[in-house]
Amino acid sequence: MAFTRFEPGDIVVSNEAIASPMWSANAPTLTNFYTSSIQIASSTREYYYNVYQTASTEDAAAIQFSIAYCDSVGSGSTFLNPLVTGITATRSNYGQYRTLVLGDENATFEFGNTTSSYFYALSIERARYKESILPGSTTLNLKLGSNELTLTDDSQLNQAAVFTDAGRRYNLVSGSAGTIYPGLNSNGWTTASGSYGWLLPDIGVILLNGEALDGSVAGGGMLLNTQRSSNTSDLNQSLIIDALNAGSGFTLNNSETLSSDFVFVRGRNSSFNYSENPSFISGSTGAVIFPSFIDNPQTYITTVGLYNDNSELLAVAKMSRPLPKDFTKELLVRVKLDF
């Protein structure tokens, strides 16, 4: 068997970004938001609610994302241990996201230009996306009575992302699908509480600034009315569930970068014109069966094999049809390897 070594110019590496809908069944937008009565009746309700695209008892039900309320002083939930005041589920949530995103237990969350001590974390179920959230695809509708907000990320306004311990970070602003709505200010923030939160596309998390949502309508808020009681199970995450259901629209796309190797297999006119196939060469004598093939051979290429330096077969490419080859023909076969 004859082998031909690839030249440097025979292999080209290409990267291609692929975007697709985020939610189950390739739905681009969630319009209904369901919780599980079993989970809400359990102790985990203090930490988060899982959100489904349909009733959790249906066969098609799948977790789309979870909602957790996070509070730096532990308000809005009961003490984990009555003898240790201040240690609550909401404080644990806050600490976990602070470590994950900021990497410093003494750091604070600054949304836009304002520090906030409480927020809501929407964590996208890992099975819903391949690599990350696609910046600029966010449209989050929240509604409470007659007060309504439509939020997006500012990735289209600020091309250079800010990086955290959790990867890229963009501000959430008033707008839709990456387009900022003109209103209170040019950056789409509230007047008193900074931005509406953060999009963290590389870990599939959206943080909603509680102070911005609780603010006045005139200042860009929606009077969400987050409860910050001490040692009381307020279950504030239900406020976001209600606002999502009333808003009836949460659009996200996921993004994936596909790396491809393009390998160009070149059959020169003087190469690959003879075969070791029994129809070409006698198995007993090793002679060419047809005398006319000695000086004017003809073969048909059906398969391309890619080998390493140890002559081990690594990949096989099959032709859609046999390709004739002789001394008067040259072949160029492009093999694409995706990974």
Protein backbone atom coordinates (compact mmCIF):
# COMPACT_ATOMS: atom_id res chain seq x y z
CA MET A 1 0.00 0.00 0.00
CA ALA A 2 1.34 3.42 -0.94
CA PHE A 3 1.09 6.43 1.38
CA THR A 4 1.41 10.12 0.55
CA ARG A 5 2.36 12.56 3.30
CA PHE A 6 0.35 15.76 3.59
CA GLU A 7 2.08 19.07 3.03
CA PRO A 8 1.44 22.00 5.43
CA GLY A 9 -0.82 23.66 2.87
CA ASP A 10 -2.99 20.55 2.57
CA ILE A 11 -4.62 21.06 6.00
CA VAL A 12 -6.70 24.13 6.86
CA VAL A 13 -8.35 24.78 10.25
CA SER A 14 -11.65 26.68 10.33
CA ASN A 15 -13.86 27.92 13.21
CA GLU A 16 -17.56 28.61 12.65
CA ALA A 17 -20.07 30.02 15.15
CA ILE A 18 -23.44 28.25 15.15
CA ALA A 19 -26.54 29.72 16.85
CA SER A 20 -29.73 27.83 17.66
CA PRO A 21 -32.83 28.24 19.88
CA MET A 22 -32.27 27.71 23.60
CA TRP A 23 -35.41 26.00 24.81
CA SER A 24 -36.79 22.46 24.52
CA ALA A 25 -38.13 21.35 21.12
CA ASN A 26 -36.01 24.14 19.55
CA ALA A 27 -38.48 26.76 20.71
CA PRO A 28 -36.95 30.26 20.36
CA THR A 29 -39.28 31.78 22.97
CA LEU A 30 -40.78 30.55 26.23
CA THR A 31 -44.29 31.87 26.79
CA ASN A 32 -45.42 29.69 29.69
CA PHE A 33 -43.56 29.06 32.92
CA TYR A 34 -44.44 26.17 35.24
CA THR A 35 -43.08 25.03 38.59
CA SER A 36 -43.26 21.66 40.30
CA SER A 37 -45.58 21.39 43.28
CA ILE A 38 -43.39 18.57 44.61
CA GLN A 39 -40.27 20.73 44.59
CA ILE A 40 -42.05 23.77 46.02
CA ALA A 41 -43.33 21.60 48.89
CA SER A 42 -39.77 20.46 49.67
CA SER A 43 -37.00 22.27 51.55
CA THR A 44 -35.23 23.21 48.30
CA ARG A 45 -37.88 25.88 47.67
CA GLU A 46 -35.97 28.12 50.07
CA TYR A 47 -33.05 28.08 47.63
CA TYR A 48 -34.57 28.02 44.15
CA TYR A 49 -37.49 27.12 41.90
CA ASN A 50 -37.07 24.96 38.81
CA VAL A 51 -39.01 26.28 35.83
CA TYR A 52 -40.54 24.03 33.14
CA GLN A 53 -41.95 24.80 29.70
CA THR A 54 -45.08 22.77 30.45
CA ALA A 55 -46.72 21.17 33.48
CA SER A 56 -44.12 19.11 35.33
CA THR A 57 -46.42 16.06 35.28
CA GLU A 58 -46.44 15.89 31.48
CA ASP A 59 -44.05 13.59 29.60
CA ALA A 60 -42.55 16.46 27.61
CA ALA A 61 -41.78 18.53 30.71
CA ALA A 62 -38.11 19.46 31.10
CA ILE A 63 -36.33 21.96 33.30
CA GLN A 64 -35.54 25.11 31.32
CA PHE A 65 -33.90 27.18 34.05
CA SER A 66 -33.97 27.79 37.79
CA ILE A 67 -34.66 30.97 39.75
CA ALA A 68 -32.90 31.77 43.03
CA TYR A 69 -33.23 34.82 45.24
CA CYS A 70 -29.87 36.01 46.59
CA ASP A 71 -29.49 38.43 49.52
CA SER A 72 -26.24 39.58 51.13
CA VAL A 73 -27.76 39.75 54.64
CA GLY A 74 -29.91 36.66 54.31
CA SER A 75 -33.29 38.37 54.23
CA GLY A 76 -36.31 36.62 52.74
CA SER A 77 -35.73 33.13 54.19
CA THR A 78 -35.56 31.38 57.52
CA PHE A 79 -32.44 30.57 59.52
CA LEU A 80 -30.86 27.26 58.56
CA ASN A 81 -30.04 26.78 62.24
CA PRO A 82 -32.12 28.68 64.81
CA LEU A 83 -29.01 28.93 66.99
CA VAL A 84 -27.01 30.67 64.23
CA THR A 85 -28.90 33.79 63.22
CA GLY A 86 -28.32 35.32 59.82
CA ILE A 87 -27.33 32.13 58.02
CA THR A 88 -30.13 31.52 55.54
CA ALA A 89 -30.69 30.03 52.10
CA THR A 90 -30.75 33.44 50.42
CA ARG A 91 -27.44 34.39 52.03
CA SER A 92 -25.92 31.07 50.91
CA ASN A 93 -27.17 31.76 47.38
CA TYR A 94 -25.58 35.20 47.43
CA GLY A 95 -22.26 33.81 48.63
CA GLN A 96 -22.21 31.06 46.01
CA TYR A 97 -22.76 33.47 43.12
CA ARG A 98 -20.29 35.95 44.59
CA THR A 99 -17.61 33.26 44.66
CA LEU A 100 -18.53 31.94 41.22
CA VAL A 101 -18.68 35.30 39.47
CA LEU A 102 -16.50 37.69 41.47
CA GLY A 103 -14.07 35.21 43.03
CA ASP A 104 -13.77 37.28 46.21
CA GLU A 105 -15.84 36.84 49.37
CA ASN A 106 -15.47 40.54 50.14
CA ALA A 107 -16.55 41.79 46.70
CA THR A 108 -19.94 43.33 45.94
CA PHE A 109 -22.18 43.21 42.90
CA GLU A 110 -22.19 46.50 41.01
CA PHE A 111 -24.85 46.64 38.33
CA GLY A 112 -23.94 49.47 36.03
CA ASN A 113 -22.75 52.15 38.44
CA THR A 114 -24.71 51.08 41.54
CA THR A 115 -23.98 48.43 44.17
CA SER A 116 -26.90 46.13 44.98
CA SER A 117 -27.20 43.87 48.00
CA TYR A 118 -29.82 41.53 46.51
CA PHE A 119 -30.65 40.06 43.12
CA TYR A 120 -32.41 37.20 41.35
CA ALA A 121 -30.33 34.54 39.56
CA LEU A 122 -31.76 32.77 36.51
CA SER A 123 -29.53 29.78 35.82
CA ILE A 124 -30.17 28.11 32.46
CA GLU A 125 -30.35 24.31 32.64
CA ARG A 126 -27.06 22.96 31.23
CA ALA A 127 -28.85 20.60 28.84
CA ARG A 128 -30.47 23.60 27.13
CA TYR A 129 -27.29 25.00 25.58
CA LYS A 130 -24.16 23.62 23.99
CA GLU A 131 -21.44 26.17 24.72
CA SER A 132 -22.83 29.52 25.87
CA ILE A 133 -25.67 32.00 25.55
CA LEU A 134 -25.49 34.04 22.35
CA PRO A 135 -25.04 37.71 23.36
CA GLY A 136 -27.51 40.00 21.68
CA SER A 137 -30.24 37.35 21.52
CA THR A 138 -31.79 38.17 24.91
CA THR A 139 -35.37 39.39 25.16
CA LEU A 140 -36.89 39.08 28.65
CA ASN A 141 -40.42 40.36 29.20
CA LEU A 142 -41.53 41.06 32.78
CA LYS A 143 -44.95 42.39 33.69
CA LEU A 144 -46.64 43.24 36.98
CA GLY A 145 -50.13 44.67 36.61
CA SER A 146 -49.80 47.56 34.18
CA ASN A 147 -46.05 47.85 34.75
CA GLU A 148 -43.96 46.13 32.12
CA LEU A 149 -40.25 45.83 31.34
CA THR A 150 -38.51 44.37 28.31
CA LEU A 151 -34.83 43.65 28.91
CA THR A 152 -31.88 42.69 26.73
CA ASP A 153 -28.10 42.73 27.04
CA ASP A 154 -25.89 45.59 25.90
CA SER A 155 -23.42 43.46 23.91
CA GLN A 156 -24.29 45.32 20.71
CA LEU A 157 -23.58 48.68 22.36
CA ASN A 158 -20.39 47.60 24.13
CA GLN A 159 -18.39 45.38 21.79
CA ALA A 160 -15.63 44.80 24.37
CA ALA A 161 -16.98 42.56 27.14
CA VAL A 162 -15.96 42.93 30.77
CA PHE A 163 -14.47 39.68 32.08
CA THR A 164 -15.17 38.14 35.48
CA ASP A 165 -14.15 34.85 37.07
CA ALA A 166 -17.16 33.39 35.24
CA GLY A 167 -16.17 34.72 31.81
CA ARG A 168 -17.79 37.53 29.84
CA ARG A 169 -20.23 39.94 31.47
CA TYR A 170 -22.75 42.28 29.88
CA ASN A 171 -25.24 44.63 31.50
CA LEU A 172 -28.98 44.05 31.19
CA VAL A 173 -30.72 47.13 29.83
CA SER A 174 -34.11 48.23 28.58
CA GLY A 175 -34.44 46.84 25.05
CA SER A 176 -35.10 43.79 22.91
CA ALA A 177 -32.87 41.36 20.97
CA GLY A 178 -29.75 43.43 21.55
CA THR A 179 -31.38 46.75 20.64
CA ILE A 180 -31.53 49.34 23.44
CA TYR A 181 -34.77 51.28 23.80
CA PRO A 182 -34.39 55.06 23.98
CA GLY A 183 -35.85 56.29 27.23
CA LEU A 184 -34.49 57.31 30.58
CA ASN A 185 -30.89 57.48 29.37
CA SER A 186 -28.73 56.42 26.44
CA ASN A 187 -27.39 53.27 28.13
CA GLY A 188 -30.81 51.81 29.03
CA TRP A 189 -30.23 51.82 32.82
CA THR A 190 -32.56 52.95 35.58
CA THR A 191 -32.08 56.43 36.99
CA ALA A 192 -31.28 55.38 40.58
CA SER A 193 -30.26 51.70 40.60
CA GLY A 194 -27.94 51.30 37.63
CA SER A 195 -28.49 48.53 35.12
CA TYR A 196 -31.14 45.82 35.41
CA GLY A 197 -28.52 43.14 36.03
CA TRP A 198 -25.94 41.08 34.19
CA LEU A 199 -25.82 38.51 31.42
CA LEU A 200 -23.08 35.93 32.03
CA PRO A 201 -23.16 34.00 28.73
CA ASP A 202 -20.27 31.64 29.41
CA ILE A 203 -21.94 30.03 32.46
CA GLY A 204 -25.55 30.42 31.27
CA VAL A 205 -26.65 32.78 34.04
CA ILE A 206 -28.74 35.97 34.12
CA LEU A 207 -28.67 38.14 37.25
CA LEU A 208 -31.62 40.51 37.76
CA ASN A 209 -30.90 43.55 39.92
CA GLY A 210 -33.57 43.47 42.65
CA GLU A 211 -33.24 47.17 43.46
CA ALA A 212 -33.79 48.11 39.81
CA LEU A 213 -36.93 45.95 39.55
CA ASP A 214 -38.27 47.30 42.84
CA GLY A 215 -37.76 50.90 41.75
CA SER A 216 -40.45 53.34 40.70
CA VAL A 217 -41.94 53.18 37.23
CA ALA A 218 -40.85 56.76 36.61
CA GLY A 219 -37.26 55.74 37.38
CA GLY A 220 -37.35 52.67 35.13
CA GLY A 221 -38.47 50.06 37.69
CA MET A 222 -41.70 48.05 37.93
CA LEU A 223 -42.51 48.06 41.67
CA LEU A 224 -41.75 44.34 42.00
CA ASN A 225 -41.94 44.65 45.80
CA THR A 226 -39.22 42.20 46.88
CA GLN A 227 -39.80 41.16 50.49
CA ARG A 228 -36.74 41.36 52.76
CA SER A 229 -38.06 40.09 56.05
CA SER A 230 -35.76 38.63 58.69
CA ASN A 231 -36.15 34.90 59.41
CA THR A 232 -39.26 34.67 57.21
CA SER A 233 -39.74 32.48 54.17
CA ASP A 234 -40.81 35.12 51.65
CA LEU A 235 -40.10 32.95 48.56
CA ASN A 236 -39.33 36.01 46.45
CA GLN A 237 -38.55 33.85 43.41
CA SER A 238 -42.31 33.46 42.94
CA LEU A 239 -42.44 37.18 42.09
CA ILE A 240 -40.27 36.56 39.03
CA ILE A 241 -42.37 33.53 38.02
CA ASP A 242 -45.50 35.69 38.11
CA ALA A 243 -43.81 38.51 36.18
CA LEU A 244 -42.56 36.06 33.53
CA ASN A 245 -45.99 34.48 33.05
CA ALA A 246 -47.62 37.89 32.73
CA GLY A 247 -44.91 39.03 30.29
CA SER A 248 -45.25 35.83 28.20
CA GLY A 249 -41.93 36.06 26.46
CA PHE A 250 -38.37 34.91 27.23
CA THR A 251 -36.19 34.59 24.14
CA LEU A 252 -32.63 33.24 24.16
CA ASN A 253 -30.33 31.56 21.66
CA ASN A 254 -27.36 29.37 22.45
CA SER A 255 -24.05 29.60 20.66
CA GLU A 256 -21.50 26.96 19.71
CA THR A 257 -18.16 27.26 17.94
CA LEU A 258 -17.49 24.34 15.61
CA SER A 259 -13.86 23.66 14.75
CA SER A 260 -13.28 21.96 11.43
CA ASP A 261 -10.18 20.57 9.75
CA PHE A 262 -10.28 20.69 5.97
CA VAL A 263 -7.89 18.12 4.54
CA PHE A 264 -7.13 18.36 0.84
CA VAL A 265 -6.22 14.95 -0.58
CA ARG A 266 -4.44 15.38 -3.88
CA GLY A 267 -4.10 12.59 -6.41
CA ARG A 268 -1.41 13.63 -8.88
CA ASN A 269 -1.53 12.29 -12.42
CA SER A 270 1.31 9.86 -11.68
CA SER A 271 -0.17 8.59 -8.39
CA PHE A 272 -2.84 6.07 -7.42
CA ASN A 273 -3.10 4.56 -10.91
CA TYR A 274 -2.42 0.98 -9.83
CA SER A 275 -4.30 -1.14 -7.34
CA GLU A 276 -3.66 -4.23 -5.20
CA ASN A 277 -7.25 -5.31 -5.69
CA PRO A 278 -7.53 -8.95 -6.92
CA SER A 279 -9.40 -7.70 -9.99
CA PHE A 280 -6.28 -5.76 -10.97
CA ILE A 281 -3.37 -7.97 -9.90
CA SER A 282 -3.22 -11.76 -9.78
CA GLY A 283 -3.08 -13.03 -6.24
CA SER A 284 -0.93 -16.01 -7.18
CA THR A 285 1.68 -14.39 -9.46
CA GLY A 286 1.44 -10.71 -8.54
CA ALA A 287 1.22 -9.82 -12.24
CA VAL A 288 -1.17 -7.31 -13.77
CA ILE A 289 -4.13 -9.31 -15.05
CA PHE A 290 -4.82 -7.21 -18.13
CA PRO A 291 -1.74 -6.36 -20.25
CA SER A 292 -3.28 -3.06 -21.34
CA PHE A 293 -3.16 -1.94 -17.69
CA ILE A 294 0.62 -2.15 -17.60
CA ASP A 295 1.20 1.08 -19.54
CA ASN A 296 -2.32 2.47 -19.45
CA PRO A 297 -3.86 1.51 -16.09
CA GLN A 298 -7.24 2.69 -14.85
CA THR A 299 -8.51 2.62 -11.29
CA TYR A 300 -11.60 3.88 -9.49
CA ILE A 301 -11.18 5.75 -6.24
CA THR A 302 -13.97 4.91 -3.75
CA THR A 303 -12.41 5.62 -0.35
CA VAL A 304 -9.90 8.00 1.21
CA GLY A 305 -8.08 6.86 4.35
CA LEU A 306 -6.24 9.20 6.72
CA TYR A 307 -3.34 7.63 8.63
CA ASN A 308 -0.89 8.73 11.28
CA ASP A 309 2.89 8.24 11.17
CA ASN A 310 2.48 4.69 12.51
CA SER A 311 0.31 3.76 9.52
CA GLU A 312 -2.74 3.51 11.78
CA LEU A 313 -6.05 4.36 10.13
CA LEU A 314 -7.64 7.36 11.87
CA ALA A 315 -10.50 8.38 9.58
CA VAL A 316 -12.24 7.17 6.45
CA ALA A 317 -14.06 9.26 3.83
CA LYS A 318 -16.40 7.52 1.39
CA MET A 319 -17.04 8.91 -2.08
CA SER A 320 -20.61 9.39 -3.27
CA ARG A 321 -19.55 7.59 -6.47
CA PRO A 322 -16.34 5.94 -7.77
CA LEU A 323 -13.94 8.45 -9.33
CA PRO A 324 -11.93 7.23 -12.35
CA LYS A 325 -8.15 7.73 -12.21
CA ASP A 326 -5.38 7.24 -14.75
CA PHE A 327 -2.21 9.00 -15.94
CA THR A 328 -4.28 11.71 -17.65
CA LYS A 329 -6.32 12.68 -14.59
CA GLU A 330 -5.68 14.37 -11.27
CA LEU A 331 -8.02 14.34 -8.26
CA LEU A 332 -8.61 16.82 -5.48
CA VAL A 333 -10.78 15.51 -2.64
CA ARG A 334 -11.69 17.81 0.25
CA VAL A 335 -12.27 15.99 3.54
CA LYS A 336 -13.99 17.90 6.37
CA LEU A 337 -13.45 16.79 9.97
CA ASP A 338 -15.74 18.40 12.57
CA PHE A 339 -14.95 18.27 16.29
